[in-house]
Amino acid sequence: MSTVSSPTQCLYEALGISTAASGQEIKAAYRKLARACHPDVVALDRKNESTDKFMRINLAYSTLSDPEKRAKYDRISFVNQRVNRGSSTAYSSMAGFGKRTWETDQCW
């Protein structure tokens, strides 16, 4: 199984930054990690590990450096956190939405 698509590895954690990081902080973290983990730079015995890590870092940077992709990722992460915490519905506390009922289903 590839570590690039690991759901437990947050994109922010991959770059070692906070969720409130600015564009400059994201870019600086990416450049620092890319120099250290690039497959052309590391020793041959660590090339596979380095390649996986570099791909994860590259995915994180490409997502978090684009404002639209970052907003979408943050929304999806928020919903996943709500579901993983055992909330009965991911949107139960958002904008006054509750569970669907027979009456509301009949309106549509």
Protein backbone atom coordinates (compact mmCIF):
# COMPACT_ATOMS: atom_id res chain seq x y z
CA MET A 1 0.00 0.00 0.00
CA SER A 2 1.36 3.38 -0.94
CA THR A 3 1.81 6.00 1.74
CA VAL A 4 0.85 8.77 -0.66
CA SER A 5 -2.86 8.11 -0.33
CA SER A 6 -2.80 7.30 3.38
CA PRO A 7 -5.86 8.90 4.98
CA THR A 8 -4.10 9.19 8.32
CA GLN A 9 -1.36 11.40 6.87
CA CYS A 10 -2.69 14.93 6.79
CA LEU A 11 -1.32 17.18 4.06
CA TYR A 12 -0.40 19.79 6.66
CA GLU A 13 1.54 17.17 8.63
CA ALA A 14 3.35 16.07 5.47
CA LEU A 15 4.79 19.58 5.14
CA GLY A 16 5.17 20.07 8.88
CA ILE A 17 3.05 23.23 8.98
CA SER A 18 -0.03 24.42 10.84
CA THR A 19 -3.47 24.65 9.28
CA ALA A 20 -3.20 28.45 9.46
CA ALA A 21 0.04 28.59 7.44
CA SER A 22 0.37 31.30 4.82
CA GLY A 23 1.29 30.74 1.20
CA GLN A 24 4.88 31.77 1.92
CA GLU A 25 5.14 29.29 4.80
CA ILE A 26 3.77 26.49 2.62
CA LYS A 27 6.26 27.26 -0.14
CA ALA A 28 9.21 27.50 2.27
CA ALA A 29 8.32 24.19 3.95
CA TYR A 30 7.94 22.48 0.57
CA ARG A 31 11.28 23.72 -0.73
CA LYS A 32 13.09 22.67 2.44
CA LEU A 33 11.61 19.17 2.41
CA ALA A 34 11.95 18.72 -1.36
CA ARG A 35 15.68 19.44 -1.19
CA ALA A 36 16.13 16.87 1.58
CA CYS A 37 13.87 14.13 0.16
CA HIS A 38 14.34 14.37 -3.60
CA PRO A 39 15.14 10.90 -5.00
CA ASP A 40 18.12 12.27 -6.97
CA VAL A 41 19.74 13.54 -3.77
CA VAL A 42 19.36 10.68 -1.28
CA ALA A 43 21.50 7.55 -1.05
CA LEU A 44 20.57 4.53 -3.16
CA ASP A 45 19.60 2.40 -0.15
CA ARG A 46 16.88 4.90 0.82
CA LYS A 47 15.62 5.73 -2.69
CA ASN A 48 12.24 3.93 -2.41
CA GLU A 49 11.45 5.49 0.95
CA SER A 50 12.55 8.87 -0.35
CA THR A 51 10.43 8.57 -3.49
CA ASP A 52 7.27 7.86 -1.46
CA LYS A 53 7.99 10.74 0.89
CA PHE A 54 8.75 13.11 -1.99
CA MET A 55 5.49 12.18 -3.72
CA ARG A 56 3.55 12.82 -0.49
CA ILE A 57 5.26 16.21 -0.07
CA ASN A 58 4.59 17.11 -3.71
CA LEU A 59 0.90 16.17 -3.36
CA ALA A 60 0.62 18.27 -0.20
CA TYR A 61 2.23 21.28 -1.85
CA SER A 62 0.16 21.05 -5.04
CA THR A 63 -3.04 20.92 -2.99
CA LEU A 64 -2.25 23.48 -0.29
CA SER A 65 -0.62 26.06 -2.59
CA ASP A 66 -3.78 26.39 -4.70
CA PRO A 67 -6.41 28.38 -2.73
CA GLU A 68 -9.37 26.57 -4.31
CA LYS A 69 -7.91 23.09 -3.77
CA ARG A 70 -6.93 24.01 -0.21
CA ALA A 71 -10.44 25.22 0.62
CA LYS A 72 -11.94 22.04 -0.80
CA TYR A 73 -9.44 19.89 1.14
CA ASP A 74 -10.19 21.78 4.37
CA ARG A 75 -13.96 21.30 3.88
CA ILE A 76 -13.55 17.57 3.25
CA SER A 77 -11.21 17.22 6.23
CA PHE A 78 -13.73 19.01 8.45
CA VAL A 79 -16.54 16.66 7.42
CA ASN A 80 -14.32 13.60 7.87
CA GLN A 81 -13.33 14.73 11.36
CA ARG A 82 -17.00 15.16 12.31
CA VAL A 83 -17.86 11.68 11.02
CA ASN A 84 -14.85 10.07 12.72
CA ARG A 85 -15.79 11.62 16.07
CA GLY A 86 -19.05 9.72 16.03
CA SER A 87 -21.44 12.47 15.00
CA SER A 88 -24.72 10.97 13.80
CA THR A 89 -24.57 13.15 10.72
CA ALA A 90 -21.70 15.23 9.44
CA TYR A 91 -23.85 18.29 8.85
CA SER A 92 -25.99 18.15 11.99
CA SER A 93 -24.62 21.33 13.50
CA MET A 94 -23.96 23.20 10.26
CA ALA A 95 -26.41 25.91 9.18
CA GLY A 96 -29.31 24.50 11.19
CA PHE A 97 -29.67 21.32 9.16
CA GLY A 98 -30.92 18.27 10.99
CA LYS A 99 -31.93 14.77 10.14
CA ARG A 100 -34.30 14.19 7.26
CA THR A 101 -37.87 13.30 8.12
CA TRP A 102 -40.83 11.99 6.18
CA GLU A 103 -42.37 15.45 6.08
CA THR A 104 -39.30 17.12 4.59
CA ASP A 105 -38.85 14.32 2.05
CA GLN A 106 -42.40 14.82 0.78
CA CYS A 107 -41.69 18.44 -0.13
CA TRP A 108 -39.24 17.42 -2.81
